[in-house]
């Protein structure tokens, strides 16, 4: 089993490095990469943009079902990097993770808030409930996070993935809050994303200045890995978003096994 896992990880990582390298831009300029993450377009393209203006209730439920494979365990693989960091970088990352786990309140754990949202939206909140319905684009994002968390050699990439999520989450979460309120979904469904509008704005500063800066001061050679983690995360997020939009703009479900309220699948 482990032999098969190692082979699958190598193939996945090899393909992802090739996809990231296809841009032709050299790895290593972390400041430039972070600067690009912080530029929010006036008019963007992606699931949160679509849902905030034109999305339907069944599309919100689909989106949440997809993301359950990530958010119901989000902080756990990222926590694996803690013993692989040292000093200020470790302390700052633990501070962010403390918030992810509810700052000591089990009812405020972010994974718990996501599960609460799923129940309000009449979705199955068990982890992996939608695994068989998830396409490769959904699974790839989860696999990247877990893969980087499991291997010490990929700790820089895990920090990059972590940064990509924390630095870009707040605006997207705000759009999802607006989407749910526009559709008049129960206020309890809004709580998870409303929490991330504020929390991730704070986490942005902690990750940039508290985690990445001291990490690279101590281990400058990790800059390439951090940039790889950022770009790989963005590449996979774009692929995921493209799949959803390609289906939704044609009125088709994006899950392999559609939810009951989704439009009926049509051939072709």
Protein backbone atom coordinates (compact mmCIF):
# COMPACT_ATOMS: atom_id res chain seq x y z
CA UNK A 1 0.00 0.00 0.00
CA UNK A 2 2.77 2.44 0.94
CA UNK A 3 4.66 1.57 -2.26
CA UNK A 4 1.60 2.44 -4.30
CA UNK A 5 1.13 5.68 -2.39
CA UNK A 6 4.73 6.73 -2.97
CA UNK A 7 4.41 6.06 -6.70
CA UNK A 8 1.17 8.06 -6.89
CA UNK A 9 2.70 10.95 -4.93
CA UNK A 10 5.71 11.09 -7.24
CA UNK A 11 3.56 11.14 -10.37
CA UNK A 12 1.31 13.83 -8.92
CA UNK A 13 4.22 16.01 -7.80
CA UNK A 14 6.08 15.55 -11.09
CA UNK A 15 3.02 16.59 -13.11
CA UNK A 16 2.32 19.54 -10.84
CA UNK A 17 5.90 20.80 -11.05
CA UNK A 18 5.67 20.58 -14.84
CA UNK A 19 2.40 22.54 -14.85
CA UNK A 20 3.85 25.24 -12.61
CA UNK A 21 7.05 25.42 -14.69
CA UNK A 22 5.00 25.86 -17.87
CA UNK A 23 4.48 29.54 -17.00
CA UNK A 24 8.16 30.09 -17.74
CA UNK A 25 8.61 32.39 -14.74
CA UNK A 26 11.49 31.49 -12.43
CA UNK A 27 10.77 30.43 -8.87
CA UNK A 28 12.22 32.27 -5.93
CA UNK A 29 10.84 35.83 -5.71
CA UNK A 30 8.55 35.36 -2.73
CA UNK A 31 7.81 39.08 -2.29
CA UNK A 32 6.62 39.40 -5.88
CA UNK A 33 4.51 36.27 -5.52
CA UNK A 34 2.84 37.54 -2.37
CA UNK A 35 2.30 40.94 -3.96
CA UNK A 36 0.43 39.26 -6.82
CA UNK A 37 -1.77 37.38 -4.36
CA UNK A 38 -2.80 40.62 -2.69
CA UNK A 39 -4.01 42.21 -5.94
CA UNK A 40 -7.76 41.70 -6.00
CA UNK A 41 -9.19 42.28 -9.50
CA UNK A 42 -12.08 44.71 -9.95
CA UNK A 43 -13.94 42.06 -11.91
CA UNK A 44 -12.69 38.54 -11.34
CA UNK A 45 -13.66 35.15 -12.60
CA UNK A 46 -14.30 32.18 -10.38
CA UNK A 47 -16.99 30.37 -8.39
CA UNK A 48 -17.25 33.01 -5.64
CA UNK A 49 -17.70 35.80 -8.20
CA UNK A 50 -20.37 33.83 -10.04
CA UNK A 51 -22.21 32.84 -6.87
CA UNK A 52 -22.22 36.40 -5.51
CA UNK A 53 -24.06 37.79 -8.52
CA UNK A 54 -25.73 35.02 -10.53
CA UNK A 55 -25.46 31.81 -8.53
CA UNK A 56 -28.44 29.67 -7.63
CA UNK A 57 -29.16 27.79 -4.45
CA UNK A 58 -28.26 24.39 -5.92
CA UNK A 59 -24.90 25.80 -7.04
CA UNK A 60 -24.11 27.04 -3.53
CA UNK A 61 -24.92 23.57 -2.18
CA UNK A 62 -22.71 21.97 -4.83
CA UNK A 63 -19.85 24.32 -4.02
CA UNK A 64 -20.09 23.50 -0.31
CA UNK A 65 -20.20 19.75 -1.05
CA UNK A 66 -17.01 20.06 -3.13
CA UNK A 67 -15.23 22.13 -0.49
CA UNK A 68 -16.22 19.79 2.34
CA UNK A 69 -13.34 17.49 1.40
CA UNK A 70 -10.97 20.38 2.11
CA UNK A 71 -12.58 22.37 4.91
CA UNK A 72 -13.75 19.55 7.17
CA UNK A 73 -10.08 18.76 7.81
CA UNK A 74 -8.42 21.96 6.61
CA UNK A 75 -6.19 22.71 9.59
CA UNK A 76 -5.02 19.14 10.20
CA UNK A 77 -2.54 18.57 7.31
CA UNK A 78 -1.25 22.12 7.74
CA UNK A 79 -0.58 21.39 11.40
CA UNK A 80 1.84 18.63 10.35
CA UNK A 81 4.37 21.31 9.38
CA UNK A 82 4.56 22.69 12.93
CA UNK A 83 7.29 20.26 14.17
CA UNK A 84 9.20 20.96 10.94
CA UNK A 85 9.51 24.67 11.66
CA UNK A 86 11.49 26.46 14.34
CA UNK A 87 11.48 29.67 16.33
CA UNK A 88 9.33 32.64 15.24
CA UNK A 89 7.94 30.88 12.15
CA UNK A 90 6.64 28.02 14.30
CA UNK A 91 5.15 30.37 16.89
CA UNK A 92 3.31 32.44 14.29
CA UNK A 93 1.95 29.41 12.45
CA UNK A 94 0.68 27.97 15.72
CA UNK A 95 -1.08 31.30 16.37
CA UNK A 96 -2.95 30.99 13.08
CA UNK A 97 -3.76 27.34 13.70
CA UNK A 98 -5.06 28.24 17.17
CA UNK A 99 -7.73 30.33 15.45
CA UNK A 100 -8.50 27.51 13.00
CA UNK A 101 -9.23 25.26 15.96
CA UNK A 102 -11.59 27.79 17.55
CA UNK A 103 -9.12 29.48 19.91
CA UNK A 104 -10.01 26.89 22.55
CA UNK A 105 -13.76 26.82 21.88
CA UNK A 106 -14.74 23.56 20.15
CA UNK A 107 -17.95 25.13 18.85
CA UNK A 108 -15.89 27.77 16.98
CA UNK A 109 -13.51 25.34 15.30
CA UNK A 110 -13.61 26.23 11.61
CA UNK A 111 -14.22 22.63 10.59
CA UNK A 112 -17.17 22.57 13.03
CA UNK A 113 -18.56 25.80 11.55
CA UNK A 114 -18.31 24.27 8.09
CA UNK A 115 -20.15 21.15 9.27
CA UNK A 116 -22.84 23.35 10.83
CA UNK A 117 -23.25 25.14 7.50
CA UNK A 118 -23.60 21.81 5.68
CA UNK A 119 -26.39 20.67 7.96
CA UNK A 120 -28.28 23.94 7.51
CA UNK A 121 -27.99 23.47 3.74
CA UNK A 122 -29.32 19.89 4.01
CA UNK A 123 -25.95 18.35 3.15
CA UNK A 124 -24.23 15.34 4.71
CA UNK A 125 -21.58 16.71 7.08
CA UNK A 126 -19.64 13.46 7.50
CA UNK A 127 -16.07 13.75 6.23
CA UNK A 128 -15.77 12.03 2.86
CA UNK A 129 -19.52 11.86 2.29
CA UNK A 130 -19.04 13.39 -1.17
CA UNK A 131 -15.76 11.67 -2.01
CA UNK A 132 -17.26 9.49 -4.74
CA UNK A 133 -19.01 12.52 -6.25
CA UNK A 134 -15.85 14.64 -6.35
CA UNK A 135 -14.02 15.06 -9.68
CA UNK A 136 -10.23 15.06 -9.96
CA UNK A 137 -10.09 18.87 -9.83
CA UNK A 138 -11.63 18.82 -6.35
CA UNK A 139 -9.41 16.04 -5.04
CA UNK A 140 -6.18 17.58 -6.37
CA UNK A 141 -6.38 20.57 -4.01
CA UNK A 142 -6.87 18.30 -1.01
CA UNK A 143 -4.08 15.99 -2.15
CA UNK A 144 -1.62 18.89 -2.50
CA UNK A 145 -2.22 20.01 1.08
CA UNK A 146 -1.90 16.48 2.48
CA UNK A 147 1.13 15.59 0.36
CA UNK A 148 3.07 18.68 1.43
CA UNK A 149 2.11 18.18 5.06
CA UNK A 150 3.32 14.58 5.11
CA UNK A 151 6.87 15.24 3.89
CA UNK A 152 9.47 17.36 5.67
CA UNK A 153 11.18 18.06 2.34
CA UNK A 154 7.99 19.83 1.20
CA UNK A 155 7.60 22.05 4.28
CA UNK A 156 8.38 25.17 2.23
CA UNK A 157 5.71 24.20 -0.29
CA UNK A 158 3.21 23.63 2.53
CA UNK A 159 3.93 27.13 3.87
CA UNK A 160 3.38 28.47 0.34
CA UNK A 161 0.07 26.62 0.04
CA UNK A 162 -0.93 27.89 3.48
CA UNK A 163 -0.05 31.44 2.48
CA UNK A 164 -1.99 31.23 -0.78
CA UNK A 165 -5.12 30.22 1.12
CA UNK A 166 -4.81 32.70 3.97
CA UNK A 167 -3.87 35.69 1.80
CA UNK A 168 -6.71 35.24 -0.68
CA UNK A 169 -9.52 33.85 1.46
CA UNK A 170 -11.01 37.03 2.90
CA UNK A 171 -12.37 38.64 -0.33
CA UNK A 172 -13.68 35.32 -1.63
CA UNK A 173 -15.37 34.61 1.70
CA UNK A 174 -17.03 38.02 1.55
CA UNK A 175 -18.44 37.21 -1.89
CA UNK A 176 -19.80 33.91 -0.61
CA UNK A 177 -21.47 35.68 2.32
CA UNK A 178 -23.12 38.05 -0.16
CA UNK A 179 -24.18 35.10 -2.32
CA UNK A 180 -25.90 33.34 0.56
CA UNK A 181 -27.64 36.47 1.76
CA UNK A 182 -28.76 37.34 -1.76
CA UNK A 183 -30.33 33.88 -1.98
CA UNK A 184 -31.87 34.35 1.48
CA UNK A 185 -30.27 31.25 2.88
CA UNK A 186 -30.47 30.77 6.67
CA UNK A 187 -28.12 33.07 8.56
CA UNK A 188 -26.57 30.01 10.23
CA UNK A 189 -25.28 29.00 6.80
CA UNK A 190 -23.34 32.26 6.54
CA UNK A 191 -21.31 31.89 9.74
CA UNK A 192 -18.36 29.92 8.34
CA UNK A 193 -17.56 32.38 5.56
CA UNK A 194 -18.39 35.43 7.68
CA UNK A 195 -15.81 34.21 10.20
CA UNK A 196 -13.18 34.00 7.45
CA UNK A 197 -13.77 37.54 6.18
CA UNK A 198 -12.30 38.92 9.40
CA UNK A 199 -10.07 36.09 10.59
CA UNK A 200 -8.14 35.66 7.36
CA UNK A 201 -7.54 39.40 7.04
CA UNK A 202 -5.61 39.10 10.31
CA UNK A 203 -3.99 35.82 9.28
CA UNK A 204 -2.63 37.48 6.15
CA UNK A 205 -0.31 39.65 8.24
CA UNK A 206 0.69 36.79 10.53
CA UNK A 207 1.57 34.50 7.63
CA UNK A 208 3.50 37.15 5.69
CA UNK A 209 5.45 38.70 8.52
CA UNK A 210 5.36 36.05 11.21
CA UNK A 211 5.80 32.81 9.25
CA UNK A 212 7.35 33.44 5.84
CA UNK A 213 9.76 36.26 6.73
CA UNK A 214 11.56 34.47 9.61
CA UNK A 215 11.42 31.11 7.80
CA UNK A 216 13.27 32.50 4.79
CA UNK A 217 15.66 34.50 6.96
CA UNK A 218 16.69 31.22 8.58
CA UNK A 219 16.47 29.05 5.44
CA UNK A 220 16.68 31.22 2.30
CA UNK A 221 16.97 28.11 0.11
CA UNK A 222 13.29 27.39 0.82
CA UNK A 223 12.17 30.41 -1.24
CA UNK A 224 11.76 28.30 -4.38
CA UNK A 225 9.60 25.80 -2.50
CA UNK A 226 7.43 28.52 -0.98
CA UNK A 227 6.80 29.99 -4.44
CA UNK A 228 6.08 26.54 -5.81
CA UNK A 229 3.49 25.98 -3.08
CA UNK A 230 1.82 29.32 -3.86
CA UNK A 231 1.72 28.70 -7.60
CA UNK A 232 0.66 25.07 -7.32
CA UNK A 233 -2.19 26.09 -5.03
CA UNK A 234 -3.29 28.79 -7.47
CA UNK A 235 -3.02 26.48 -10.47
CA UNK A 236 -5.19 23.81 -8.85
CA UNK A 237 -7.70 26.38 -7.55
CA UNK A 238 -8.06 27.76 -11.09
CA UNK A 239 -8.64 24.28 -12.50
CA UNK A 240 -11.28 23.61 -9.87
CA UNK A 241 -12.99 26.91 -10.58
CA UNK A 242 -12.89 26.36 -14.33
CA UNK A 243 -14.63 23.02 -13.97
CA UNK A 244 -17.44 24.48 -11.90
CA UNK A 245 -17.98 27.47 -14.19
CA UNK A 246 -17.86 25.33 -17.33
CA UNK A 247 -20.69 23.18 -15.97
CA UNK A 248 -22.71 25.92 -14.32
CA UNK A 249 -22.77 28.23 -17.34
CA UNK A 250 -24.39 25.36 -19.25
CA UNK A 251 -26.84 24.68 -16.46
CA UNK A 252 -25.17 21.38 -15.62
CA UNK A 253 -24.08 19.98 -12.24
CA UNK A 254 -20.37 19.83 -11.46
CA UNK A 255 -20.45 16.84 -9.11
CA UNK A 256 -20.11 13.36 -10.61
CA UNK A 257 -23.24 12.34 -8.70
CA UNK A 258 -25.51 15.41 -8.71
CA UNK A 259 -27.40 16.57 -5.65
CA UNK A 260 -31.19 16.06 -5.74
CA UNK A 261 -31.97 19.72 -6.50
CA UNK A 262 -29.42 20.08 -9.33
CA UNK A 263 -30.60 20.18 -12.95
CA UNK A 264 -30.85 16.82 -14.61
CA UNK A 265 -27.69 15.81 -16.47
CA UNK A 266 -28.09 15.98 -20.21
CA UNK A 267 -25.98 13.95 -22.68
CA UNK A 268 -22.98 15.79 -24.11
